[in-house]
Amino acid sequence: MFDSITNALTGVLGSFRGRLTEGNIRDGMAKVRQALLEADVAYDVAKSFCDRVTEQAIGEKVLQSLKPEQQIVGIVYQELINLMGPVDHSIEVRRGETTVLMMCGLQGSGKTTTCGKLARLLKSEGAKPLLVAADLQRPAAIEQLKVIGEQIGVPVYAEDPARSNPVQVCTNGRKEAGKLGCNIVILDTAGRLHVDDALMQELQQIDNKLMPHQCLLVCDAMTGQDAVRSAKAFNDALELDGVILTKLDGDTRGGAALSVKAVTGVPIKFVGLGEQLDRLEAFHPDRMAQRILGQGDVATLLETAQRVLDQEEMARQQEAMLAGKFTLDDFLRSMEQITKMGPMKSLMKMIPGMGAISEALDKAGDVDPDKDVRKIRAMIQSMTLDERQNPDKIDRSRRTRIARGCGVDPSDVHDLQKQFKQMGGMMQKMAGLSVTDKMRAVQQLQSEMMNPAGPGIQREKQRSKRGPEDRDKFRDKKRQARKQAKDQRKKNRRR
């Protein structure tokens, strides 16, 4: 997401050093406009964005400032926020009333799944939602919503498609919400493969009959400008209150996210970042602007950590660190906690300064942090309970057994031992530090994080590059070196 835009912006902004002129600013923004167009941002949006930035950047205050490059970064950041915001995520729930949310969108956009995600999010905030299966067109849509409702513990209202119509289902669903004591009704309406008159008439009938408090459009971000065009068509017919962009974790260039607000005037309220029902997040233009500029997103990272991580387990592990009793079992539980927050590459991009490292790992191809995490987990799970509690007991023979049990090289197990010993000491020191001091310590360790799985990966790269003949020669050299060392020890004993 936004990789091409981020690379172009960071490259151009990084080239602004020393004295700036109107000429090099215009040249740089021309490259930015090209990157925006390649990312499928609407032409008018890309042009007006670059024009506004250029107009402010060539002003006298910027050109004559001590650090003009920082001034330009600030201008770009603010213009990105203006382009995507402001956004109001609130869904008003009045006492004694039932709030009705109408969800609409084309088939394949993930509308039914998003209904479940939104219901789960509202339930976690204290609301009592009811899902209404008003999509009578797509086969199995009703069953899909029932399965999702059962997974998240939210009731679902449905009727026989052959004996009912969407307006009647929605009306009866609102009545059912009153009986069940639900204060929010989410209408999963029908979709089509494209925008047509029959779809719009059906949605307008529901809109006129139930007068929903908010009408939210679900768009597939991977369709690029098609998502923006469909949003404009729906808004002309229904007056949308917000857009939910799905599949932002996929192979999307981000053009829809930057264009939809400027083209339609409708803000993006939520974004879907995965198939799991907990992967729906509120859309924050300022945080997204930070990600686009490669500055990370610490706020979202902390919110995710507070929501996902087991705070009692984290407190217990911190006590173990302070007492010097942090074991491989604790380390494994820490890893399992972190993996709940999402893929490691996504988490790295949220940490300031780590986005470039994540990109470098992507280019390397054979280095995958998530694969390395799975590898470490396999090694720890191949150990006995005593070995996890006392890693110093793992000698050469035990390393060989552990490596054979999880399909790795004994040197990888040895590297894990060394890393754990270093990490244990570092984490014990950090456990008693303030938040600021912890951040400084983490920044000092960024160079080590360039190689997430330790020196073992470098050896694995070297082994993978060797052919069969090279491997035989390498083994012969090792055997010869061992024999020479053994002979030398015999000579020393004779003397």
Protein backbone atom coordinates (compact mmCIF):
# COMPACT_ATOMS: atom_id res chain seq x y z
CA MET A 1 0.00 0.00 0.00
CA PHE A 2 1.34 3.42 -1.11
CA ASP A 3 4.83 1.96 -1.72
CA SER A 4 5.31 3.71 -5.08
CA ILE A 5 4.07 7.04 -3.71
CA THR A 6 6.22 6.70 -0.58
CA ASN A 7 9.34 5.90 -2.60
CA ALA A 8 8.77 8.87 -4.92
CA LEU A 9 8.03 11.34 -2.12
CA THR A 10 10.93 10.26 0.09
CA GLY A 11 13.27 10.32 -2.90
CA VAL A 12 12.21 13.81 -3.99
CA LEU A 13 12.08 15.26 -0.47
CA GLY A 14 15.44 13.68 0.32
CA SER A 15 16.98 15.42 -2.70
CA PHE A 16 16.03 18.87 -1.36
CA ARG A 17 19.26 19.77 0.40
CA GLY A 18 20.96 23.13 0.79
CA ARG A 19 19.70 26.12 -1.15
CA LEU A 20 16.42 25.57 -2.99
CA THR A 21 15.34 27.26 -6.18
CA GLU A 22 12.00 27.51 -7.89
CA GLY A 23 13.37 25.33 -10.70
CA ASN A 24 14.41 22.31 -8.64
CA ILE A 25 11.19 22.48 -6.61
CA ARG A 26 9.10 22.35 -9.78
CA ASP A 27 11.23 19.50 -11.15
CA GLY A 28 10.81 17.54 -7.94
CA MET A 29 7.04 18.02 -7.79
CA ALA A 30 6.80 16.91 -11.44
CA LYS A 31 8.29 13.58 -10.33
CA VAL A 32 5.79 13.43 -7.46
CA ARG A 33 2.88 14.03 -9.85
CA GLN A 34 4.14 11.24 -12.09
CA ALA A 35 4.29 8.89 -9.08
CA LEU A 36 0.75 9.82 -8.05
CA LEU A 37 -0.54 9.10 -11.55
CA GLU A 38 1.27 5.76 -11.61
CA ALA A 39 -0.39 4.94 -8.28
CA ASP A 40 -3.78 5.43 -9.98
CA VAL A 41 -4.58 8.78 -8.36
CA ALA A 42 -7.07 10.79 -10.43
CA TYR A 43 -5.32 13.24 -12.79
CA ASP A 44 -7.12 16.34 -11.50
CA VAL A 45 -6.37 15.35 -7.90
CA ALA A 46 -2.66 14.74 -8.59
CA LYS A 47 -2.30 18.00 -10.52
CA SER A 48 -4.06 20.19 -7.95
CA PHE A 49 -2.14 18.55 -5.08
CA CYS A 50 1.24 19.22 -6.70
CA ASP A 51 0.21 22.75 -7.68
CA ARG A 52 -0.75 23.61 -4.09
CA VAL A 53 2.49 22.19 -2.69
CA THR A 54 4.59 23.99 -5.33
CA GLU A 55 2.82 27.30 -4.71
CA GLN A 56 3.57 27.14 -0.99
CA ALA A 57 7.08 25.72 -1.41
CA ILE A 58 8.32 28.51 -3.68
CA GLY A 59 7.20 31.13 -1.19
CA GLU A 60 9.77 33.48 0.29
CA LYS A 61 9.53 31.96 3.80
CA VAL A 62 10.50 28.50 2.55
CA LEU A 63 13.24 29.49 0.10
CA GLN A 64 14.99 31.70 2.67
CA SER A 65 14.49 29.45 5.73
CA LEU A 66 17.45 27.76 7.43
CA LYS A 67 16.09 24.27 6.73
CA PRO A 68 13.87 24.56 3.65
CA GLU A 69 13.65 20.78 3.15
CA GLN A 70 11.89 20.42 6.51
CA GLN A 71 9.47 23.20 5.55
CA ILE A 72 8.56 21.33 2.34
CA VAL A 73 8.00 18.06 4.24
CA GLY A 74 5.61 19.93 6.52
CA ILE A 75 3.75 21.38 3.54
CA VAL A 76 3.39 17.97 1.86
CA TYR A 77 2.25 16.39 5.13
CA GLN A 78 -0.46 19.02 5.69
CA GLU A 79 -1.67 18.83 2.08
CA LEU A 80 -1.97 15.04 2.33
CA ILE A 81 -4.13 15.48 5.44
CA ASN A 82 -6.29 18.05 3.65
CA LEU A 83 -6.60 15.71 0.67
CA MET A 84 -7.94 12.78 2.71
CA GLY A 85 -9.70 14.49 5.62
CA PRO A 86 -11.28 15.58 7.84
CA VAL A 87 -13.07 12.41 8.99
CA ASP A 88 -15.74 11.85 11.62
CA HIS A 89 -15.75 8.20 12.73
CA SER A 90 -18.54 8.60 15.25
CA ILE A 91 -21.78 6.66 14.88
CA GLU A 92 -24.37 8.37 17.04
CA VAL A 93 -26.43 6.11 19.27
CA ARG A 94 -29.28 7.89 21.06
CA ARG A 95 -30.88 6.47 24.16
CA GLY A 96 -34.20 4.82 23.41
CA GLU A 97 -33.64 4.92 19.63
CA THR A 98 -32.37 2.41 17.10
CA THR A 99 -29.57 3.64 14.84
CA VAL A 100 -29.84 2.28 11.28
CA LEU A 101 -26.72 1.89 9.11
CA MET A 102 -27.21 1.00 5.46
CA MET A 103 -24.25 -0.75 3.83
CA CYS A 104 -24.09 -0.73 0.05
CA GLY A 105 -21.58 -1.59 -2.66
CA LEU A 106 -20.84 -3.72 -5.69
CA GLN A 107 -20.44 -7.49 -5.62
CA GLY A 108 -16.92 -8.62 -4.78
CA SER A 109 -16.07 -5.56 -2.70
CA GLY A 110 -16.30 -7.50 0.58
CA LYS A 111 -19.55 -5.87 1.70
CA THR A 112 -20.99 -8.77 3.71
CA THR A 113 -17.70 -9.44 5.49
CA THR A 114 -17.34 -5.72 6.22
CA CYS A 115 -20.81 -5.72 7.80
CA GLY A 116 -19.54 -8.36 10.21
CA LYS A 117 -16.32 -6.44 10.88
CA LEU A 118 -18.24 -3.24 11.62
CA ALA A 119 -20.66 -5.11 13.91
CA ARG A 120 -17.73 -6.61 15.81
CA LEU A 121 -16.07 -3.19 16.15
CA LEU A 122 -19.26 -1.55 17.44
CA LYS A 123 -19.86 -4.44 19.84
CA SER A 124 -16.37 -4.00 21.29
CA GLU A 125 -17.26 -0.34 21.96
CA GLY A 126 -20.34 -1.30 24.00
CA ALA A 127 -23.07 -1.21 21.34
CA LYS A 128 -25.61 -3.99 20.69
CA PRO A 129 -25.75 -4.45 16.90
CA LEU A 130 -28.13 -6.56 14.80
CA LEU A 131 -27.20 -7.72 11.29
CA VAL A 132 -30.01 -7.77 8.71
CA ALA A 133 -29.58 -10.00 5.65
CA ALA A 134 -31.20 -7.80 2.98
CA ASP A 135 -29.09 -9.16 0.08
CA LEU A 136 -31.63 -11.42 -1.63
CA GLN A 137 -29.81 -11.45 -4.97
CA ARG A 138 -26.50 -13.21 -4.35
CA PRO A 139 -26.70 -16.94 -3.62
CA ALA A 140 -25.53 -17.89 -0.12
CA ALA A 141 -25.29 -14.23 0.99
CA ILE A 142 -27.76 -14.90 3.82
CA GLU A 143 -25.90 -18.01 4.97
CA GLN A 144 -22.59 -16.17 4.86
CA LEU A 145 -23.95 -13.41 7.10
CA LYS A 146 -25.35 -15.99 9.53
CA VAL A 147 -21.95 -17.70 9.80
CA ILE A 148 -20.23 -14.35 10.41
CA GLY A 149 -22.83 -13.37 13.02
CA GLU A 150 -22.25 -16.64 14.86
CA GLN A 151 -18.48 -16.10 14.84
CA ILE A 152 -18.69 -12.64 16.41
CA GLY A 153 -21.68 -13.33 18.66
CA VAL A 154 -24.08 -10.90 16.96
CA PRO A 155 -27.70 -11.85 16.09
CA VAL A 156 -28.72 -11.98 12.41
CA TYR A 157 -32.23 -11.34 11.06
CA ALA A 158 -33.14 -13.06 7.78
CA GLU A 159 -36.22 -14.10 5.81
CA ASP A 160 -36.94 -16.50 2.97
CA PRO A 161 -35.83 -14.73 -0.28
CA ALA A 162 -38.67 -16.35 -2.26
CA ARG A 163 -41.36 -14.90 0.02
CA SER A 164 -40.03 -11.45 0.79
CA ASN A 165 -38.40 -8.34 -0.65
CA PRO A 166 -35.47 -6.20 0.57
CA VAL A 167 -37.62 -3.31 1.87
CA GLN A 168 -39.80 -5.68 3.90
CA VAL A 169 -36.75 -7.49 5.31
CA CYS A 170 -35.17 -4.21 6.44
CA THR A 171 -38.43 -2.96 7.99
CA ASN A 172 -38.97 -6.20 9.90
CA GLY A 173 -35.32 -6.26 10.90
CA ARG A 174 -35.64 -2.90 12.61
CA LYS A 175 -38.70 -4.19 14.51
CA GLU A 176 -36.75 -7.28 15.54
CA ALA A 177 -33.97 -5.07 16.90
CA GLY A 178 -36.46 -3.45 19.29
CA LYS A 179 -37.57 -6.87 20.56
CA LEU A 180 -33.97 -8.02 21.11
CA GLY A 181 -32.87 -4.76 22.73
CA CYS A 182 -30.33 -3.98 19.97
CA ASN A 183 -29.54 -0.29 19.49
CA ILE A 184 -27.81 -0.51 16.07
CA VAL A 185 -29.12 -2.17 12.91
CA ILE A 186 -26.68 -2.89 10.07
CA LEU A 187 -28.41 -3.52 6.73
CA ASP A 188 -26.47 -5.76 4.34
CA THR A 189 -28.09 -4.69 1.07
CA ALA A 190 -27.73 -6.30 -2.36
CA GLY A 191 -24.96 -5.52 -4.82
CA ARG A 192 -24.39 -5.90 -8.54
CA LEU A 193 -21.40 -6.49 -10.79
CA HIS A 194 -21.79 -2.89 -11.97
CA VAL A 195 -23.88 0.20 -11.20
CA ASP A 196 -27.33 -0.11 -12.82
CA ASP A 197 -30.82 1.41 -12.48
CA ALA A 198 -32.34 -1.68 -10.81
CA LEU A 199 -29.75 -1.60 -8.02
CA MET A 200 -30.17 2.12 -7.40
CA GLN A 201 -33.97 1.90 -7.35
CA GLU A 202 -33.83 -0.89 -4.75
CA LEU A 203 -31.43 1.06 -2.54
CA GLN A 204 -33.45 4.26 -2.89
CA GLN A 205 -36.61 2.39 -1.78
CA ILE A 206 -34.82 1.17 1.36
CA ASP A 207 -33.41 4.65 1.94
CA ASN A 208 -36.82 6.33 1.62
CA LYS A 209 -38.60 3.75 3.78
CA LEU A 210 -36.17 3.38 6.68
CA MET A 211 -34.40 6.78 6.58
CA PRO A 212 -31.04 5.33 7.76
CA HIS A 213 -28.89 7.51 10.00
CA GLN A 214 -25.81 6.76 7.90
CA CYS A 215 -25.27 5.27 4.48
CA LEU A 216 -21.83 3.71 4.06
CA LEU A 217 -20.35 2.52 0.77
CA VAL A 218 -17.96 -0.45 0.71
CA CYS A 219 -15.31 -0.11 -2.05
CA ASP A 220 -12.57 -2.46 -3.18
CA ALA A 221 -9.32 -0.46 -3.07
CA MET A 222 -7.69 -2.83 -5.58
CA THR A 223 -10.02 -1.58 -8.34
CA GLY A 224 -8.32 1.84 -8.26
CA GLN A 225 -10.24 4.58 -10.06
CA ASP A 226 -13.19 2.22 -10.64
CA ALA A 227 -13.77 2.44 -6.89
CA VAL A 228 -13.82 6.24 -7.11
CA ARG A 229 -16.24 6.21 -10.06
CA SER A 230 -18.63 3.80 -8.31
CA ALA A 231 -18.45 5.94 -5.15
CA LYS A 232 -19.45 8.99 -7.18
CA ALA A 233 -22.40 7.11 -8.76
CA PHE A 234 -23.65 5.85 -5.38
CA ASN A 235 -23.25 9.28 -3.82
CA ASP A 236 -25.27 10.94 -6.60
CA ALA A 237 -28.14 8.52 -5.91
CA LEU A 238 -28.02 8.12 -2.12
CA GLU A 239 -25.95 10.96 -0.57
CA LEU A 240 -23.37 8.81 1.16
CA ASP A 241 -22.07 9.57 4.66
CA GLY A 242 -18.81 7.70 4.32
CA VAL A 243 -16.74 5.14 2.48
CA ILE A 244 -15.13 1.93 3.76
CA LEU A 245 -12.12 0.88 1.67
CA THR A 246 -11.39 -2.86 1.74
CA LYS A 247 -8.33 -4.91 0.71
CA LEU A 248 -5.85 -2.13 1.50
CA ASP A 249 -3.46 -4.90 2.57
CA GLY A 250 -3.44 -6.37 -0.93
CA ASP A 251 -1.63 -5.42 -4.10
CA THR A 252 -3.10 -1.93 -4.22
CA ARG A 253 -1.36 1.28 -5.27
CA GLY A 254 -3.36 3.55 -2.95
CA GLY A 255 -4.84 5.80 -5.64
CA ALA A 256 -8.41 5.27 -4.47
CA ALA A 257 -7.60 6.33 -0.90
CA LEU A 258 -6.08 9.59 -2.12
CA SER A 259 -8.76 10.33 -4.72
CA VAL A 260 -12.14 9.34 -3.29
CA LYS A 261 -12.56 12.31 -0.91
CA ALA A 262 -11.43 14.90 -3.48
CA VAL A 263 -13.62 13.49 -6.28
CA THR A 264 -16.79 12.66 -4.35
CA GLY A 265 -16.56 14.87 -1.27
CA VAL A 266 -17.29 11.75 0.83
CA PRO A 267 -14.64 10.88 3.46
CA ILE A 268 -13.16 7.44 4.06
CA LYS A 269 -14.32 6.38 7.52
CA PHE A 270 -12.86 2.88 7.87
CA VAL A 271 -10.34 0.66 6.08
CA GLY A 272 -10.18 -3.12 5.87
CA LEU A 273 -6.68 -4.57 6.22
CA GLY A 274 -7.28 -8.33 6.02
CA GLU A 275 -9.84 -11.11 5.83
CA GLN A 276 -10.04 -11.59 9.61
CA LEU A 277 -13.11 -10.08 11.26
CA ASP A 278 -10.96 -7.93 13.57
CA ARG A 279 -9.09 -6.27 10.69
CA LEU A 280 -11.19 -3.12 10.37
CA GLU A 281 -9.66 0.16 11.49
CA ALA A 282 -10.80 3.76 11.69
CA PHE A 283 -9.22 5.84 8.92
CA HIS A 284 -7.00 8.65 10.22
CA PRO A 285 -5.71 11.01 7.49
CA ASP A 286 -2.83 12.27 9.65
CA ARG A 287 -1.59 8.75 10.39
CA MET A 288 -1.96 7.72 6.76
CA ALA A 289 0.02 10.82 5.73
CA GLN A 290 2.80 9.75 8.11
CA ARG A 291 2.88 6.30 6.51
CA ILE A 292 2.99 7.78 3.01
CA LEU A 293 5.96 9.95 4.01
CA GLY A 294 7.71 6.90 5.47
CA GLN A 295 7.49 8.21 9.05
CA GLY A 296 5.66 5.19 10.49
CA ASP A 297 2.44 5.12 12.50
CA VAL A 298 3.22 4.76 16.18
CA ALA A 299 -0.30 5.76 17.30
CA THR A 300 -1.98 2.92 15.40
CA LEU A 301 0.73 0.51 16.55
CA LEU A 302 0.10 1.40 20.21
CA GLU A 303 -3.69 1.16 19.79
CA THR A 304 -3.32 -2.26 18.18
CA ALA A 305 -1.03 -3.39 20.99
CA GLN A 306 -3.47 -2.25 23.68
CA ARG A 307 -6.37 -3.96 21.91
CA VAL A 308 -4.68 -7.25 21.01
CA LEU A 309 -1.99 -7.95 23.60
CA ASP A 310 -2.76 -9.67 26.88
CA GLN A 311 -1.85 -6.97 29.40
CA GLU A 312 -1.68 -9.40 32.34
CA GLU A 313 0.73 -11.64 30.45
CA MET A 314 2.86 -8.63 29.47
CA ALA A 315 2.99 -7.49 33.12
CA ARG A 316 4.01 -11.01 34.23
CA GLN A 317 6.79 -11.10 31.63
CA GLN A 318 8.05 -7.70 32.75
CA GLU A 319 8.26 -8.96 36.33
CA ALA A 320 10.20 -12.00 35.09
CA MET A 321 12.62 -9.70 33.22
CA LEU A 322 13.23 -7.57 36.31
CA ALA A 323 13.84 -10.71 38.37
CA GLY A 324 16.24 -12.10 35.75
CA LYS A 325 14.02 -15.18 35.16
CA PHE A 326 13.09 -14.58 31.53
CA THR A 327 13.08 -18.00 29.80
CA LEU A 328 12.62 -19.27 26.25
CA ASP A 329 9.03 -20.12 27.22
CA ASP A 330 8.48 -16.45 28.04
CA PHE A 331 10.20 -15.49 24.79
CA LEU A 332 7.88 -17.81 22.82
CA ARG A 333 4.81 -16.34 24.50
CA SER A 334 6.07 -12.83 23.68
CA MET A 335 6.44 -13.80 20.03
CA GLU A 336 2.92 -15.26 19.96
CA GLN A 337 1.60 -12.01 21.45
CA ILE A 338 3.34 -9.93 18.78
CA THR A 339 2.14 -12.12 15.89
CA LYS A 340 -1.44 -11.40 16.97
CA MET A 341 -0.88 -7.80 15.89
CA GLY A 342 -0.32 -8.79 12.25
CA PRO A 343 2.53 -9.62 9.85
CA MET A 344 5.99 -8.47 10.93
CA LYS A 345 6.54 -6.50 7.70
CA SER A 346 3.37 -4.47 8.36
CA LEU A 347 4.41 -3.80 11.96
CA MET A 348 7.90 -2.70 10.87
CA LYS A 349 6.41 -0.11 8.53
CA MET A 350 4.59 1.45 11.52
CA ILE A 351 7.86 2.05 13.39
CA PRO A 352 9.64 5.30 12.44
CA GLY A 353 12.80 4.55 10.49
CA MET A 354 11.93 0.88 9.93
CA GLY A 355 9.97 1.36 6.70
CA ALA A 356 13.18 1.46 4.64
CA ILE A 357 14.39 -1.72 6.35
CA SER A 358 11.13 -3.50 5.50
CA GLU A 359 11.47 -2.35 1.89
CA ALA A 360 15.06 -3.62 1.78
CA LEU A 361 13.89 -7.01 3.04
CA ASP A 362 11.24 -7.11 0.31
CA LYS A 363 13.89 -6.42 -2.33
CA ALA A 364 16.20 -9.06 -0.86
CA GLY A 365 13.48 -11.62 -1.52
CA ASP A 366 15.07 -14.48 0.46
CA VAL A 367 14.76 -12.67 3.82
CA ASP A 368 11.28 -12.86 5.32
CA PRO A 369 10.78 -11.70 8.96
CA ASP A 370 7.55 -13.70 9.27
CA LYS A 371 9.30 -16.85 8.05
CA ASP A 372 12.11 -16.23 10.54
CA VAL A 373 9.57 -15.91 13.37
CA ARG A 374 8.03 -19.26 12.40
CA LYS A 375 11.52 -20.78 12.29
CA ILE A 376 12.36 -19.55 15.80
CA ARG A 377 9.02 -20.82 17.10
CA ALA A 378 9.72 -24.28 15.61
CA MET A 379 13.15 -24.42 17.28
CA ILE A 380 11.78 -23.50 20.71
CA GLN A 381 8.89 -25.95 20.41
CA SER A 382 11.39 -28.73 19.56
CA MET A 383 13.09 -28.27 22.94
CA THR A 384 12.19 -30.00 26.17
CA LEU A 385 10.63 -28.05 29.02
CA ASP A 386 13.92 -28.17 30.94
CA GLU A 387 15.83 -26.81 27.93
CA ARG A 388 13.40 -23.92 27.54
CA GLN A 389 13.72 -23.05 31.21
CA ASN A 390 17.53 -23.45 31.18
CA PRO A 391 18.91 -22.64 27.70
CA ASP A 392 22.51 -22.90 28.98
CA LYS A 393 22.06 -26.69 29.25
CA ILE A 394 21.76 -27.01 25.48
CA ASP A 395 25.08 -28.47 24.37
CA ARG A 396 26.24 -29.71 20.98
CA SER A 397 24.37 -33.03 21.04
CA ARG A 398 21.15 -31.35 22.16
CA ARG A 399 21.49 -28.72 19.43
CA THR A 400 21.79 -31.49 16.85
CA ARG A 401 18.65 -33.21 18.21
CA ILE A 402 16.66 -29.94 18.27
CA ALA A 403 17.77 -29.03 14.76
CA ARG A 404 16.79 -32.47 13.45
CA GLY A 405 13.39 -32.16 15.11
CA CYS A 406 12.47 -28.88 13.38
CA GLY A 407 14.41 -29.21 10.12
CA VAL A 408 17.06 -26.51 10.62
CA ASP A 409 20.84 -26.44 10.89
CA PRO A 410 22.43 -26.84 14.37
CA SER A 411 24.14 -23.48 13.83
CA ASP A 412 20.67 -21.84 13.74
CA VAL A 413 19.91 -23.25 17.21
CA HIS A 414 23.26 -21.95 18.42
CA ASP A 415 22.48 -18.50 16.98
CA LEU A 416 19.12 -18.54 18.79
CA GLN A 417 20.90 -19.27 22.07
CA LYS A 418 23.29 -16.34 21.58
CA GLN A 419 20.49 -13.98 20.52
CA PHE A 420 18.34 -14.96 23.48
CA LYS A 421 21.21 -14.39 25.90
CA GLN A 422 21.87 -10.92 24.46
CA MET A 423 18.17 -10.08 24.31
CA GLY A 424 17.56 -11.29 27.87
CA GLY A 425 20.17 -8.90 29.21
CA MET A 426 18.90 -6.03 27.07
CA MET A 427 15.24 -6.61 28.01
CA GLN A 428 16.14 -6.85 31.70
CA LYS A 429 17.80 -3.43 31.47
CA MET A 430 14.90 -1.95 29.50
CA ALA A 431 12.22 -3.27 31.86
CA GLY A 432 12.94 -0.56 34.42
CA LEU A 433 13.38 2.32 31.95
CA SER A 434 10.94 5.07 31.13
CA VAL A 435 9.09 5.11 27.80
CA THR A 436 11.50 7.72 26.37
CA ASP A 437 14.58 5.73 27.38
CA LYS A 438 13.04 2.56 25.94
CA MET A 439 12.51 4.31 22.60
CA ARG A 440 16.15 5.42 22.59
CA ALA A 441 17.29 1.88 23.35
CA VAL A 442 15.16 0.50 20.52
CA GLN A 443 16.61 3.06 18.08
CA GLN A 444 20.12 1.97 19.06
CA LEU A 445 19.17 -1.61 18.23
CA GLN A 446 17.83 -0.79 14.76
CA SER A 447 21.11 -1.76 13.13
CA GLU A 448 20.78 -5.23 14.65
CA MET A 449 17.20 -5.47 13.43
CA MET A 450 18.45 -5.16 9.86
CA ASN A 451 19.12 -8.91 10.18
CA PRO A 452 16.05 -10.25 12.06
CA ALA A 453 17.13 -13.89 12.24
CA GLY A 454 20.75 -13.25 13.17
CA PRO A 455 23.97 -14.50 11.64
CA GLY A 456 22.39 -17.84 10.77
CA ILE A 457 20.66 -16.25 7.79
CA GLN A 458 23.99 -15.18 6.32
CA ARG A 459 25.30 -18.74 6.60
CA GLU A 460 22.08 -20.02 5.04
CA LYS A 461 22.55 -17.62 2.10
CA GLN A 462 26.10 -18.84 1.62
CA ARG A 463 25.00 -22.50 1.74
CA SER A 464 22.20 -21.87 -0.78
CA LYS A 465 24.67 -20.30 -3.25
CA ARG A 466 27.02 -23.32 -3.14
CA GLY A 467 26.66 -26.04 -5.72
CA PRO A 468 27.08 -29.80 -4.98
CA GLU A 469 30.82 -29.71 -5.78
CA ASP A 470 31.37 -26.64 -3.61
CA ARG A 471 29.54 -28.28 -0.71
CA ASP A 472 31.72 -31.41 -1.00
CA LYS A 473 34.89 -29.29 -1.00
CA PHE A 474 33.57 -27.32 1.99
CA ARG A 475 32.90 -30.56 3.94
CA ASP A 476 36.37 -31.92 3.05
CA LYS A 477 38.01 -28.75 4.34
CA LYS A 478 36.06 -28.97 7.59
CA ARG A 479 37.03 -32.65 8.05
CA GLN A 480 40.68 -31.86 7.32
CA ALA A 481 40.66 -28.97 9.80
CA ARG A 482 39.12 -31.21 12.48
CA LYS A 483 41.71 -33.95 11.81
CA GLN A 484 44.57 -31.46 12.06
CA ALA A 485 43.20 -30.11 15.34
CA LYS A 486 42.83 -33.66 16.68
CA ASP A 487 46.41 -34.57 15.68
CA GLN A 488 47.69 -31.40 17.31
CA ARG A 489 45.91 -32.27 20.56
CA LYS A 490 47.54 -35.75 20.52
CA LYS A 491 51.00 -34.21 20.03
CA ASN A 492 50.42 -31.84 22.91
CA ARG A 493 49.41 -34.73 25.21
CA ARG A 494 52.53 -36.74 24.26
CA ARG A 495 54.75 -33.81 25.14
